[in-house]
Amino acid sequence: MVLLAHFIGALYGLLAVFFGAFGAHALKKSFSEDQLKSFETGVKYQMYHALVLLILGFNLNLTTTVEKYMIYCFILGTFLFSFSIYGLTLSASKGKKLKFLGPITPIGGLLLVIGWSLLLYSFIQNIV
């Protein structure tokens, strides 16, 4: 599980830098200001959660059920949240918005909230 957190964290970090540069340079010309802000939100959340996965992988054993679910929530939540935003903004800029992606973004966000809640719960368990 630690290796998975490290691998996905590093992959998400790499892709966040790539997508951030892509958005700042290549997409600036074809995106509206709102589309660019949405795209940047996806990149920010992806990078935040890449760092979370790396930090957790280095600091926790990730052996308990709570820790495993937390990592899965961060991995899947980041993918659904950020990548659905990328798909929505890219397709909208081409005039063919992929509307089916709209409901996926909040599902990803909910998984991220659950991941953070499980992290808080694991800290509370260790205090008590």
N, C-alpha and C. Protein backbone atom coordinates (compact mmCIF):
# COMPACT_ATOMS: atom_id res chain seq x y z
N MET A 1 0.82 -1.20 0.00
CA MET A 1 0.00 0.00 0.00
C MET A 1 0.87 1.27 0.00
N VAL A 2 1.99 1.23 0.74
CA VAL A 2 2.89 2.38 0.77
C VAL A 2 3.45 2.64 -0.63
N LEU A 3 3.84 1.58 -1.31
CA LEU A 3 4.38 1.72 -2.66
C LEU A 3 3.35 2.32 -3.61
N LEU A 4 2.09 1.90 -3.47
CA LEU A 4 1.01 2.45 -4.30
C LEU A 4 0.86 3.94 -4.04
N ALA A 5 0.85 4.33 -2.76
CA ALA A 5 0.70 5.75 -2.42
C ALA A 5 1.86 6.56 -3.00
N HIS A 6 3.08 6.03 -2.89
CA HIS A 6 4.25 6.73 -3.43
C HIS A 6 4.17 6.82 -4.95
N PHE A 7 3.83 5.72 -5.60
CA PHE A 7 3.79 5.70 -7.07
C PHE A 7 2.73 6.65 -7.60
N ILE A 8 1.51 6.53 -7.08
CA ILE A 8 0.42 7.39 -7.57
C ILE A 8 0.68 8.85 -7.18
N GLY A 9 1.21 9.08 -5.99
CA GLY A 9 1.55 10.45 -5.59
C GLY A 9 2.55 11.08 -6.53
N ALA A 10 3.60 10.34 -6.87
CA ALA A 10 4.61 10.85 -7.80
C ALA A 10 4.01 11.06 -9.20
N LEU A 11 3.19 10.12 -9.65
CA LEU A 11 2.55 10.23 -10.96
C LEU A 11 1.62 11.44 -11.01
N TYR A 12 0.78 11.61 -9.98
CA TYR A 12 -0.11 12.77 -9.94
C TYR A 12 0.68 14.07 -9.89
N GLY A 13 1.80 14.10 -9.14
CA GLY A 13 2.63 15.30 -9.09
C GLY A 13 3.22 15.63 -10.45
N LEU A 14 3.76 14.62 -11.11
CA LEU A 14 4.32 14.79 -12.45
C LEU A 14 3.27 15.34 -13.42
N LEU A 15 2.10 14.71 -13.41
CA LEU A 15 1.04 15.13 -14.33
C LEU A 15 0.51 16.53 -13.98
N ALA A 16 0.49 16.87 -12.70
CA ALA A 16 0.02 18.20 -12.30
C ALA A 16 0.95 19.28 -12.84
N VAL A 17 2.25 19.04 -12.77
CA VAL A 17 3.21 20.01 -13.33
C VAL A 17 3.03 20.10 -14.84
N PHE A 18 2.90 18.96 -15.49
CA PHE A 18 2.69 18.94 -16.94
C PHE A 18 1.41 19.67 -17.32
N PHE A 19 0.29 19.31 -16.66
CA PHE A 19 -1.00 19.94 -16.99
C PHE A 19 -0.99 21.43 -16.64
N GLY A 20 -0.32 21.79 -15.55
CA GLY A 20 -0.23 23.21 -15.18
C GLY A 20 0.49 24.02 -16.25
N ALA A 21 1.59 23.49 -16.74
CA ALA A 21 2.33 24.18 -17.80
C ALA A 21 1.51 24.21 -19.09
N PHE A 22 0.87 23.10 -19.39
CA PHE A 22 0.02 23.01 -20.58
C PHE A 22 -1.10 24.05 -20.51
N GLY A 23 -1.73 24.15 -19.34
CA GLY A 23 -2.81 25.12 -19.17
C GLY A 23 -2.33 26.55 -19.26
N ALA A 24 -1.17 26.82 -18.65
CA ALA A 24 -0.66 28.18 -18.63
C ALA A 24 -0.19 28.66 -20.00
N HIS A 25 0.24 27.75 -20.85
CA HIS A 25 0.81 28.16 -22.13
C HIS A 25 -0.09 27.80 -23.32
N ALA A 26 -0.39 26.54 -23.49
CA ALA A 26 -1.11 26.11 -24.70
C ALA A 26 -2.60 26.44 -24.65
N LEU A 27 -3.20 26.34 -23.46
CA LEU A 27 -4.65 26.51 -23.39
C LEU A 27 -5.08 27.96 -23.19
N LYS A 28 -4.17 28.81 -22.83
CA LYS A 28 -4.49 30.21 -22.56
C LYS A 28 -5.18 30.88 -23.75
N LYS A 29 -4.82 30.45 -24.94
CA LYS A 29 -5.36 31.07 -26.16
C LYS A 29 -6.76 30.57 -26.50
N SER A 30 -7.06 29.30 -26.15
CA SER A 30 -8.33 28.72 -26.57
C SER A 30 -9.36 28.63 -25.45
N PHE A 31 -8.96 28.90 -24.21
CA PHE A 31 -9.88 28.82 -23.07
C PHE A 31 -10.39 30.20 -22.68
N SER A 32 -11.63 30.24 -22.22
CA SER A 32 -12.13 31.47 -21.60
C SER A 32 -11.48 31.60 -20.23
N GLU A 33 -11.64 32.72 -19.61
CA GLU A 33 -11.05 32.93 -18.27
C GLU A 33 -11.65 31.95 -17.26
N ASP A 34 -12.97 31.71 -17.34
CA ASP A 34 -13.62 30.75 -16.43
C ASP A 34 -13.11 29.33 -16.66
N GLN A 35 -12.95 28.96 -17.91
CA GLN A 35 -12.43 27.62 -18.22
C GLN A 35 -11.01 27.45 -17.70
N LEU A 36 -10.20 28.48 -17.85
CA LEU A 36 -8.83 28.43 -17.37
C LEU A 36 -8.79 28.31 -15.84
N LYS A 37 -9.67 29.04 -15.16
CA LYS A 37 -9.73 28.95 -13.69
C LYS A 37 -10.17 27.55 -13.25
N SER A 38 -11.13 26.97 -13.95
CA SER A 38 -11.58 25.61 -13.63
C SER A 38 -10.46 24.61 -13.84
N PHE A 39 -9.76 24.75 -14.95
CA PHE A 39 -8.64 23.86 -15.25
C PHE A 39 -7.57 23.97 -14.16
N GLU A 40 -7.27 25.20 -13.75
CA GLU A 40 -6.28 25.44 -12.70
C GLU A 40 -6.72 24.84 -11.37
N THR A 41 -8.02 24.86 -11.09
CA THR A 41 -8.53 24.22 -9.87
C THR A 41 -8.24 22.73 -9.90
N GLY A 42 -8.47 22.09 -11.04
CA GLY A 42 -8.15 20.67 -11.17
C GLY A 42 -6.69 20.39 -10.93
N VAL A 43 -5.81 21.24 -11.47
CA VAL A 43 -4.36 21.07 -11.30
C VAL A 43 -3.98 21.25 -9.83
N LYS A 44 -4.52 22.28 -9.18
CA LYS A 44 -4.19 22.53 -7.77
C LYS A 44 -4.59 21.35 -6.89
N TYR A 45 -5.82 20.89 -7.06
CA TYR A 45 -6.29 19.76 -6.23
C TYR A 45 -5.48 18.50 -6.52
N GLN A 46 -5.10 18.32 -7.77
CA GLN A 46 -4.28 17.16 -8.11
C GLN A 46 -2.93 17.24 -7.40
N MET A 47 -2.31 18.42 -7.42
CA MET A 47 -1.01 18.56 -6.77
C MET A 47 -1.13 18.44 -5.25
N TYR A 48 -2.15 19.04 -4.67
CA TYR A 48 -2.33 18.93 -3.22
C TYR A 48 -2.41 17.46 -2.81
N HIS A 49 -3.18 16.70 -3.55
CA HIS A 49 -3.39 15.30 -3.16
C HIS A 49 -2.22 14.40 -3.56
N ALA A 50 -1.44 14.81 -4.55
CA ALA A 50 -0.19 14.11 -4.84
C ALA A 50 0.74 14.23 -3.63
N LEU A 51 0.83 15.43 -3.09
CA LEU A 51 1.67 15.65 -1.91
C LEU A 51 1.14 14.90 -0.69
N VAL A 52 -0.17 14.89 -0.52
CA VAL A 52 -0.77 14.15 0.60
C VAL A 52 -0.42 12.67 0.50
N LEU A 53 -0.56 12.10 -0.68
CA LEU A 53 -0.24 10.68 -0.85
C LEU A 53 1.22 10.39 -0.53
N LEU A 54 2.11 11.25 -0.98
CA LEU A 54 3.53 11.05 -0.69
C LEU A 54 3.82 11.17 0.80
N ILE A 55 3.28 12.20 1.43
CA ILE A 55 3.52 12.42 2.86
C ILE A 55 2.95 11.26 3.68
N LEU A 56 1.74 10.84 3.38
CA LEU A 56 1.14 9.73 4.12
C LEU A 56 1.92 8.44 3.91
N GLY A 57 2.38 8.22 2.68
CA GLY A 57 3.16 7.02 2.39
C GLY A 57 4.46 6.97 3.17
N PHE A 58 5.06 8.13 3.42
CA PHE A 58 6.30 8.18 4.17
C PHE A 58 6.09 8.16 5.69
N ASN A 59 4.89 8.56 6.15
CA ASN A 59 4.68 8.72 7.58
C ASN A 59 3.75 7.71 8.24
N LEU A 60 2.99 6.97 7.47
CA LEU A 60 2.09 5.97 8.03
C LEU A 60 2.43 4.61 7.44
N ASN A 61 2.11 3.57 8.16
CA ASN A 61 2.34 2.21 7.65
C ASN A 61 1.33 1.83 6.58
N LEU A 62 0.15 2.45 6.62
CA LEU A 62 -0.93 2.18 5.67
C LEU A 62 -1.33 0.72 5.67
N THR A 63 -1.41 0.16 6.87
CA THR A 63 -1.78 -1.25 7.00
C THR A 63 -3.19 -1.45 7.54
N THR A 64 -3.74 -0.45 8.22
CA THR A 64 -5.08 -0.62 8.77
C THR A 64 -6.12 -0.43 7.67
N THR A 65 -7.31 -0.92 7.93
CA THR A 65 -8.40 -0.78 6.96
C THR A 65 -8.72 0.69 6.72
N VAL A 66 -8.75 1.48 7.78
CA VAL A 66 -9.05 2.91 7.65
C VAL A 66 -8.00 3.59 6.76
N GLU A 67 -6.73 3.28 6.99
CA GLU A 67 -5.67 3.89 6.19
C GLU A 67 -5.75 3.47 4.72
N LYS A 68 -6.07 2.22 4.47
CA LYS A 68 -6.20 1.74 3.09
C LYS A 68 -7.36 2.44 2.38
N TYR A 69 -8.52 2.52 3.04
CA TYR A 69 -9.65 3.22 2.43
C TYR A 69 -9.35 4.69 2.19
N MET A 70 -8.61 5.29 3.13
CA MET A 70 -8.24 6.69 3.00
C MET A 70 -7.40 6.89 1.73
N ILE A 71 -6.42 6.03 1.53
CA ILE A 71 -5.56 6.15 0.35
C ILE A 71 -6.37 5.93 -0.93
N TYR A 72 -7.24 4.92 -0.92
CA TYR A 72 -8.09 4.68 -2.09
C TYR A 72 -8.99 5.88 -2.39
N CYS A 73 -9.53 6.50 -1.34
CA CYS A 73 -10.38 7.69 -1.53
C CYS A 73 -9.59 8.84 -2.14
N PHE A 74 -8.36 9.04 -1.66
CA PHE A 74 -7.54 10.11 -2.22
C PHE A 74 -7.17 9.83 -3.67
N ILE A 75 -6.83 8.59 -3.98
CA ILE A 75 -6.43 8.25 -5.35
C ILE A 75 -7.62 8.38 -6.30
N LEU A 76 -8.71 7.71 -5.98
CA LEU A 76 -9.88 7.74 -6.86
C LEU A 76 -10.54 9.11 -6.88
N GLY A 77 -10.63 9.75 -5.72
CA GLY A 77 -11.24 11.07 -5.64
C GLY A 77 -10.49 12.09 -6.48
N THR A 78 -9.17 12.06 -6.41
CA THR A 78 -8.35 12.98 -7.22
C THR A 78 -8.56 12.72 -8.70
N PHE A 79 -8.54 11.46 -9.06
CA PHE A 79 -8.73 11.11 -10.48
C PHE A 79 -10.09 11.62 -10.97
N LEU A 80 -11.16 11.28 -10.24
CA LEU A 80 -12.50 11.68 -10.69
C LEU A 80 -12.67 13.20 -10.68
N PHE A 81 -12.18 13.85 -9.64
CA PHE A 81 -12.35 15.30 -9.51
C PHE A 81 -11.55 16.04 -10.58
N SER A 82 -10.25 15.86 -10.57
CA SER A 82 -9.39 16.65 -11.45
C SER A 82 -9.56 16.29 -12.93
N PHE A 83 -9.58 14.99 -13.21
CA PHE A 83 -9.64 14.59 -14.61
C PHE A 83 -11.00 14.86 -15.24
N SER A 84 -12.06 14.87 -14.45
CA SER A 84 -13.36 15.26 -15.01
C SER A 84 -13.38 16.75 -15.33
N ILE A 85 -12.70 17.54 -14.50
CA ILE A 85 -12.59 18.98 -14.80
C ILE A 85 -11.80 19.19 -16.09
N TYR A 86 -10.71 18.45 -16.24
CA TYR A 86 -9.93 18.57 -17.47
C TYR A 86 -10.80 18.22 -18.69
N GLY A 87 -11.53 17.13 -18.58
CA GLY A 87 -12.39 16.72 -19.68
C GLY A 87 -13.48 17.72 -19.99
N LEU A 88 -14.09 18.26 -18.93
CA LEU A 88 -15.15 19.25 -19.13
C LEU A 88 -14.63 20.52 -19.79
N THR A 89 -13.50 21.02 -19.30
CA THR A 89 -13.00 22.28 -19.85
C THR A 89 -12.45 22.10 -21.27
N LEU A 90 -11.75 21.00 -21.51
CA LEU A 90 -11.22 20.77 -22.85
C LEU A 90 -12.34 20.57 -23.86
N SER A 91 -13.35 19.80 -23.49
CA SER A 91 -14.45 19.55 -24.43
C SER A 91 -15.28 20.82 -24.64
N ALA A 92 -15.46 21.61 -23.60
CA ALA A 92 -16.23 22.86 -23.74
C ALA A 92 -15.50 23.84 -24.65
N SER A 93 -14.19 23.85 -24.57
CA SER A 93 -13.43 24.78 -25.43
C SER A 93 -13.53 24.40 -26.90
N LYS A 94 -13.83 23.13 -27.16
CA LYS A 94 -14.00 22.65 -28.55
C LYS A 94 -15.46 22.73 -29.00
N GLY A 95 -16.35 23.20 -28.10
CA GLY A 95 -17.76 23.33 -28.45
C GLY A 95 -18.55 22.05 -28.34
N LYS A 96 -17.97 21.02 -27.75
CA LYS A 96 -18.65 19.73 -27.61
C LYS A 96 -18.54 19.25 -26.17
N LYS A 97 -19.15 19.99 -25.25
CA LYS A 97 -19.02 19.70 -23.83
C LYS A 97 -19.52 18.30 -23.50
N LEU A 98 -18.68 17.53 -22.83
CA LEU A 98 -19.03 16.17 -22.40
C LEU A 98 -19.82 16.27 -21.09
N LYS A 99 -21.12 16.45 -21.22
CA LYS A 99 -21.98 16.71 -20.06
C LYS A 99 -22.01 15.57 -19.05
N PHE A 100 -21.75 14.34 -19.49
CA PHE A 100 -21.78 13.21 -18.57
C PHE A 100 -20.69 13.33 -17.50
N LEU A 101 -19.66 14.15 -17.76
CA LEU A 101 -18.59 14.34 -16.78
C LEU A 101 -19.01 15.25 -15.63
N GLY A 102 -20.05 16.07 -15.85
CA GLY A 102 -20.50 17.01 -14.82
C GLY A 102 -20.77 16.38 -13.47
N PRO A 103 -21.54 15.29 -13.39
CA PRO A 103 -21.82 14.67 -12.10
C PRO A 103 -20.61 13.92 -11.50
N ILE A 104 -19.60 13.66 -12.30
CA ILE A 104 -18.45 12.91 -11.79
C ILE A 104 -17.58 13.78 -10.89
N THR A 105 -17.49 15.08 -11.19
CA THR A 105 -16.67 15.99 -10.40
C THR A 105 -17.07 16.00 -8.93
N PRO A 106 -18.36 16.16 -8.59
CA PRO A 106 -18.71 16.16 -7.17
C PRO A 106 -18.53 14.79 -6.49
N ILE A 107 -18.63 13.71 -7.26
CA ILE A 107 -18.36 12.39 -6.68
C ILE A 107 -16.89 12.31 -6.28
N GLY A 108 -16.02 12.81 -7.15
CA GLY A 108 -14.60 12.88 -6.80
C GLY A 108 -14.37 13.75 -5.58
N GLY A 109 -15.03 14.88 -5.53
CA GLY A 109 -14.91 15.77 -4.37
C GLY A 109 -15.39 15.10 -3.09
N LEU A 110 -16.46 14.35 -3.18
CA LEU A 110 -16.97 13.63 -2.01
C LEU A 110 -15.96 12.59 -1.54
N LEU A 111 -15.35 11.88 -2.46
CA LEU A 111 -14.31 10.91 -2.08
C LEU A 111 -13.12 11.60 -1.40
N LEU A 112 -12.78 12.79 -1.86
CA LEU A 112 -11.70 13.53 -1.21
C LEU A 112 -12.09 13.92 0.22
N VAL A 113 -13.33 14.35 0.39
CA VAL A 113 -13.82 14.69 1.74
C VAL A 113 -13.79 13.45 2.63
N ILE A 114 -14.20 12.32 2.10
CA ILE A 114 -14.18 11.07 2.87
C ILE A 114 -12.73 10.71 3.23
N GLY A 115 -11.81 10.87 2.29
CA GLY A 115 -10.40 10.60 2.56
C GLY A 115 -9.87 11.46 3.70
N TRP A 116 -10.18 12.74 3.66
CA TRP A 116 -9.75 13.64 4.75
C TRP A 116 -10.42 13.28 6.06
N SER A 117 -11.68 12.88 6.00
CA SER A 117 -12.39 12.46 7.22
C SER A 117 -11.76 11.21 7.81
N LEU A 118 -11.38 10.28 6.97
CA LEU A 118 -10.72 9.06 7.45
C LEU A 118 -9.35 9.37 8.04
N LEU A 119 -8.65 10.34 7.47
CA LEU A 119 -7.37 10.76 8.04
C LEU A 119 -7.57 11.34 9.44
N LEU A 120 -8.56 12.20 9.57
CA LEU A 120 -8.89 12.77 10.88
C LEU A 120 -9.27 11.67 11.86
N TYR A 121 -10.09 10.73 11.42
CA TYR A 121 -10.51 9.61 12.26
C TYR A 121 -9.30 8.78 12.73
N SER A 122 -8.35 8.56 11.81
CA SER A 122 -7.16 7.77 12.20
C SER A 122 -6.33 8.51 13.24
N PHE A 123 -6.28 9.84 13.14
CA PHE A 123 -5.56 10.62 14.15
C PHE A 123 -6.28 10.56 15.50
N ILE A 124 -7.60 10.65 15.46
CA ILE A 124 -8.39 10.59 16.71
C ILE A 124 -8.23 9.23 17.35
N GLN A 125 -8.22 8.16 16.56
CA GLN A 125 -8.02 6.80 17.09
C GLN A 125 -6.70 6.69 17.82
N ASN A 126 -5.67 7.32 17.30
CA ASN A 126 -4.35 7.22 17.92
C ASN A 126 -4.24 8.06 19.19
N ILE A 127 -5.09 9.07 19.34
CA ILE A 127 -5.08 9.89 20.54
C ILE A 127 -5.79 9.17 21.67
N VAL A 128 -6.89 8.53 21.35
CA VAL A 128 -7.73 7.89 22.37
C VAL A 128 -7.20 6.57 22.78
